[in-house]
C-alpha cells in the first residue's frame, strides 16, 4: 500500500508541531498539530480537590476532551448536558495516562485539569491529546515550581501516544483518517519516555489478528513514541523551559 502522503514510509510520523503558550491565561497550554489533526491542550491549576480526595495529602490530575462542531468534514453536534460514551472513554484514557507519570503526593492538595479541544480532526485525536496534554501539564508544574508551590518535582517521566494499524496487510504508524477508516486492525499505544507501556488498545475490525502483529505494533509504536518524547523535550527547551533530570 502507498500512503496518501508519498513522503511517508510505513513507520514515519506525520509532521508534528507544538505551539506552546497558545492560551496565555492557562497555567500551561499547547496547540499540537499532527498532520491535519490539531488539538488545543490547556492545563488549569485549582487549589481545591474533589471531595473524596480532601485531606488525603495528595493531588489529582484529570482531563476533559471534546471536538468542535466543525472539526470534522460534517458538523458534529456540540455535547452539552452529558458526554457521549466515546468522549467519556477518551477523557478517562487521557487522565489515566497523565497520572501514570505523576506523583500525586508531590503535587500537593490541588487539582490540575487538562482540557483537550479538537480544532481539526484527521485521525489520531486521542493520541495527539495525550501527547499534547503532557506538554501542558509539564508547563503547569514548572509554573507551580517557579512560584515556590512545590516541595519536590511531581513528574516522573514523559508520556506520549501513537496509533498503529494494519491497512491492506501493511503495518502503518500514525494513521490519518482515510487510513484509519480502512484499517483491518487498529491500535492505540500509550508509553512513557523510558519505554514502559501505560495502555494498549487494539481492535480487529474484521478477522482476528495474530499475537505477532501485536508485538510488531508495540515495537513500531515504541519507536514512534520515542521520537515524540524527543519532540516534547525540544519544544519545551525552545520555549526556554527545562525539566528536572528526574523527569526522564
Protein backbone atom coordinates (compact mmCIF):
# COMPACT_ATOMS: atom_id res chain seq x y z
CA UNK A 1 0.00 0.00 0.00
CA UNK A 2 1.24 3.52 -0.74
CA UNK A 3 0.37 6.16 1.83
CA UNK A 4 -1.70 9.21 0.91
CA UNK A 5 1.40 11.29 1.67
CA UNK A 6 4.08 9.86 -0.68
CA UNK A 7 6.86 11.26 1.52
CA UNK A 8 5.86 8.99 4.44
CA UNK A 9 7.08 5.46 4.89
CA UNK A 10 5.12 2.91 6.95
CA UNK A 11 6.88 3.89 10.21
CA UNK A 12 7.00 7.67 9.61
CA UNK A 13 5.13 10.18 11.73
CA UNK A 14 3.11 12.96 10.24
CA UNK A 15 4.68 16.42 10.67
CA UNK A 16 4.40 17.20 14.40
CA UNK A 17 4.37 20.73 15.79
CA UNK A 18 3.94 22.07 19.34
CA UNK A 19 2.98 25.72 19.78
CA UNK A 20 3.43 26.47 23.48
CA UNK A 21 1.63 29.31 25.22
CA UNK A 22 -1.24 29.23 22.73
CA UNK A 23 -3.76 30.05 25.50
CA UNK A 24 -1.94 32.64 27.63
CA UNK A 25 -4.37 32.64 30.59
CA UNK A 26 -3.84 28.94 31.33
CA UNK A 27 -1.01 27.69 33.58
CA UNK A 28 0.06 25.52 30.65
CA UNK A 29 -1.06 25.34 27.03
CA UNK A 30 -0.03 23.95 23.68
CA UNK A 31 -1.55 23.63 20.24
CA UNK A 32 -0.37 20.25 18.99
CA UNK A 33 -0.55 19.50 15.27
CA UNK A 34 -0.13 16.01 13.82
CA UNK A 35 -0.57 16.43 10.11
CA UNK A 36 -4.04 17.95 9.72
CA UNK A 37 -5.14 16.98 13.22
CA UNK A 38 -4.97 19.91 15.63
CA UNK A 39 -5.75 19.79 19.34
CA UNK A 40 -5.56 22.64 21.84
CA UNK A 41 -4.44 21.33 25.24
CA UNK A 42 -4.67 23.60 28.29
CA UNK A 43 -3.74 22.92 31.92
CA UNK A 44 -5.67 24.66 34.70
CA UNK A 45 -4.45 24.56 38.31
CA UNK A 46 -7.06 24.72 41.05
CA UNK A 47 -6.21 24.92 44.75
CA UNK A 48 -9.01 22.52 45.59
CA UNK A 49 -9.79 18.84 45.22
CA UNK A 50 -12.79 16.60 44.62
CA UNK A 51 -14.46 15.99 47.98
CA UNK A 52 -13.43 12.34 48.03
CA UNK A 53 -9.74 13.37 47.96
CA UNK A 54 -9.81 16.15 50.53
CA UNK A 55 -7.39 15.75 53.43
CA UNK A 56 -5.55 12.76 51.94
CA UNK A 57 -2.28 14.60 51.29
CA UNK A 58 -2.20 14.17 47.54
CA UNK A 59 -3.36 15.94 44.43
CA UNK A 60 -5.27 14.91 41.33
CA UNK A 61 -4.82 15.12 37.56
CA UNK A 62 -7.88 14.77 35.36
CA UNK A 63 -8.86 15.53 31.78
CA UNK A 64 -11.73 16.60 29.59
CA UNK A 65 -11.94 16.07 25.82
CA UNK A 66 -14.20 17.50 23.17
CA UNK A 67 -14.49 18.06 19.44
CA UNK A 68 -15.58 21.37 17.98
CA UNK A 69 -18.67 21.05 15.74
CA UNK A 70 -16.72 21.60 12.51
CA UNK A 71 -13.54 19.79 13.46
CA UNK A 72 -14.78 17.07 11.07
CA UNK A 73 -15.99 17.08 7.45
CA UNK A 74 -19.61 17.41 8.53
CA UNK A 75 -20.92 19.23 11.59
CA UNK A 76 -20.94 17.27 14.85
CA UNK A 77 -23.46 18.36 17.45
CA UNK A 78 -21.93 20.10 20.44
CA UNK A 79 -22.08 17.97 23.59
CA UNK A 80 -24.00 19.83 26.28
CA UNK A 81 -25.66 18.06 29.19
CA UNK A 82 -23.55 14.90 29.16
CA UNK A 83 -20.65 13.39 27.27
CA UNK A 84 -21.02 10.58 24.76
CA UNK A 85 -19.59 7.18 25.58
CA UNK A 86 -16.67 7.78 23.21
CA UNK A 87 -15.86 11.15 24.76
CA UNK A 88 -16.05 9.75 28.29
CA UNK A 89 -13.74 6.87 27.34
CA UNK A 90 -11.16 9.20 25.75
CA UNK A 91 -11.02 11.68 28.61
CA UNK A 92 -10.60 8.85 31.11
CA UNK A 93 -7.75 7.50 28.95
CA UNK A 94 -6.04 10.90 28.91
CA UNK A 95 -6.37 11.23 32.69
CA UNK A 96 -5.01 7.71 33.34
CA UNK A 97 -2.08 8.33 31.02
CA UNK A 98 -1.04 11.54 32.77
CA UNK A 99 -1.47 10.14 36.28
CA UNK A 100 0.79 7.21 35.32
CA UNK A 101 3.76 9.63 35.25
CA UNK A 102 2.69 11.98 38.06
CA UNK A 103 3.49 11.56 41.74
CA UNK A 104 0.20 12.77 43.20
CA UNK A 105 1.57 13.22 46.77
CA UNK A 106 4.30 15.53 45.39
CA UNK A 107 1.66 17.58 43.59
CA UNK A 108 0.16 18.66 46.89
CA UNK A 109 -3.53 19.08 47.63
CA UNK A 110 -4.51 20.68 44.33
CA UNK A 111 -6.05 19.57 41.05
CA UNK A 112 -4.76 20.06 37.52
CA UNK A 113 -7.36 19.70 34.77
CA UNK A 114 -6.24 19.12 31.18
CA UNK A 115 -8.77 20.30 28.60
CA UNK A 116 -8.18 18.79 25.15
CA UNK A 117 -10.26 20.52 22.47
CA UNK A 118 -10.06 19.13 18.95
CA UNK A 119 -10.00 22.01 16.47
CA UNK A 120 -9.50 19.82 13.40
CA UNK A 121 -9.69 16.04 13.15
CA UNK A 122 -7.87 13.83 10.65
CA UNK A 123 -7.26 10.74 12.75
CA UNK A 124 -5.32 10.27 15.97
CA UNK A 125 -7.15 12.86 18.06
CA UNK A 126 -6.89 10.86 21.30
CA UNK A 127 -3.20 10.14 20.83
CA UNK A 128 -2.43 13.77 19.95
CA UNK A 129 -4.41 14.83 23.02
CA UNK A 130 -2.30 12.66 25.33
CA UNK A 131 0.98 13.80 23.78
CA UNK A 132 -0.01 17.47 23.92
CA UNK A 133 -1.63 17.27 27.36
CA UNK A 134 1.66 16.09 28.87
CA UNK A 135 3.39 19.19 27.49
CA UNK A 136 0.70 21.41 29.02
CA UNK A 137 0.95 19.52 32.33
CA UNK A 138 4.73 19.98 32.39
CA UNK A 139 4.29 23.73 31.87
CA UNK A 140 1.77 23.89 34.72
CA UNK A 141 4.15 22.06 37.06
CA UNK A 142 7.00 24.37 36.10
CA UNK A 143 4.67 27.31 36.82
CA UNK A 144 3.92 25.94 40.28
CA UNK A 145 7.62 25.34 40.98
CA UNK A 146 8.57 28.87 39.89
CA UNK A 147 6.04 30.20 42.43
CA UNK A 148 7.51 28.07 45.21
CA UNK A 149 4.38 25.93 45.50
CA UNK A 150 6.01 22.52 45.01
CA UNK A 151 8.28 20.89 47.58
CA UNK A 152 9.50 18.31 45.05
CA UNK A 153 9.06 17.70 41.33
CA UNK A 154 5.94 15.60 40.60
CA UNK A 155 6.53 14.37 37.03
CA UNK A 156 8.41 11.07 36.96
CA UNK A 157 8.60 10.67 33.17
CA UNK A 158 7.25 11.78 29.82
CA UNK A 159 4.17 10.13 28.35
CA UNK A 160 3.04 10.11 24.71
CA UNK A 161 0.75 8.10 22.46
CA UNK A 162 0.51 6.95 18.85
CA UNK A 163 -1.83 4.99 16.61
CA UNK A 164 -0.70 1.91 14.71
CA UNK A 165 -2.75 -0.16 12.31
CA UNK A 166 -2.72 -2.80 9.61
CA UNK A 167 -4.05 -1.43 6.33
CA UNK A 168 -4.17 -3.63 3.21
CA UNK A 169 -1.88 -6.08 5.01
CA UNK A 170 0.79 -3.49 5.86
CA UNK A 171 1.50 -2.14 9.32
CA UNK A 172 1.43 1.67 9.43
CA UNK A 173 2.26 4.14 12.19
CA UNK A 174 0.33 7.35 12.94
CA UNK A 175 -2.76 6.75 10.81
CA UNK A 176 -4.66 9.64 9.28
CA UNK A 177 -8.43 9.37 8.91
CA UNK A 178 -8.54 7.65 5.47
CA UNK A 179 -6.03 5.05 6.68
CA UNK A 180 -7.82 4.59 10.00
CA UNK A 181 -11.17 4.11 8.27
CA UNK A 182 -9.69 1.32 6.09
CA UNK A 183 -7.69 -0.41 8.84
CA UNK A 184 -8.15 -4.14 9.34
CA UNK A 185 -6.61 -3.77 12.81
CA UNK A 186 -6.46 -0.50 14.73
CA UNK A 187 -4.34 0.07 17.84
CA UNK A 188 -3.53 2.99 20.15
CA UNK A 189 -0.43 2.79 22.32
CA UNK A 190 0.46 4.92 25.34
CA UNK A 191 4.04 4.68 26.61
CA UNK A 192 6.41 6.52 28.91
CA UNK A 193 9.70 8.10 27.90
CA UNK A 194 11.51 5.10 29.37
CA UNK A 195 9.53 2.79 27.07
CA UNK A 196 7.11 1.38 29.63
CA UNK A 197 3.58 0.61 28.48
CA UNK A 198 0.73 2.56 30.05
CA UNK A 199 -2.11 1.32 27.84
CA UNK A 200 -2.60 -0.78 24.72
CA UNK A 201 -5.91 -0.62 22.85
CA UNK A 202 -6.10 -2.94 19.84
CA UNK A 203 -9.17 -3.96 17.89
CA UNK A 204 -9.74 -6.27 14.93
CA UNK A 205 -12.22 -4.61 12.59
CA UNK A 206 -12.81 -7.91 10.79
CA UNK A 207 -10.80 -11.11 11.07
CA UNK A 208 -8.85 -11.72 14.31
CA UNK A 209 -5.14 -10.90 14.25
CA UNK A 210 -2.10 -12.81 15.47
CA UNK A 211 -0.01 -12.02 18.54
CA UNK A 212 2.94 -11.41 16.22
CA UNK A 213 1.04 -8.46 14.79
CA UNK A 214 0.51 -7.00 18.25
CA UNK A 215 4.22 -7.42 19.03
CA UNK A 216 5.05 -5.56 15.83
CA UNK A 217 2.55 -2.81 16.69
CA UNK A 218 4.21 -2.30 20.07
CA UNK A 219 7.71 -2.32 18.61
CA UNK A 220 6.96 0.20 15.85
CA UNK A 221 4.77 2.27 18.14
CA UNK A 222 7.50 2.39 20.77
CA UNK A 223 9.98 3.75 18.24
CA UNK A 224 7.49 6.43 17.20
CA UNK A 225 6.75 7.39 20.80
CA UNK A 226 10.47 7.78 21.49
CA UNK A 227 10.56 10.34 18.67
CA UNK A 228 7.50 12.12 20.11
CA UNK A 229 9.15 12.32 23.54
CA UNK A 230 12.22 13.90 21.96
CA UNK A 231 9.96 16.44 20.24
CA UNK A 232 8.20 17.18 23.55
CA UNK A 233 11.56 17.85 25.19
CA UNK A 234 12.75 20.03 22.33
CA UNK A 235 9.55 22.08 22.30
CA UNK A 236 9.93 22.89 26.00
CA UNK A 237 13.61 23.78 25.61
CA UNK A 238 12.88 26.04 22.65
CA UNK A 239 10.36 27.86 24.87
CA UNK A 240 13.07 28.32 27.50
CA UNK A 241 11.62 25.64 29.80
CA UNK A 242 13.98 23.00 31.18
CA UNK A 243 12.71 19.98 33.07
CA UNK A 244 14.48 18.42 36.07
CA UNK A 245 16.56 15.36 35.23
CA UNK A 246 14.23 13.21 37.35
CA UNK A 247 11.58 13.59 34.63
CA UNK A 248 13.44 11.10 32.44
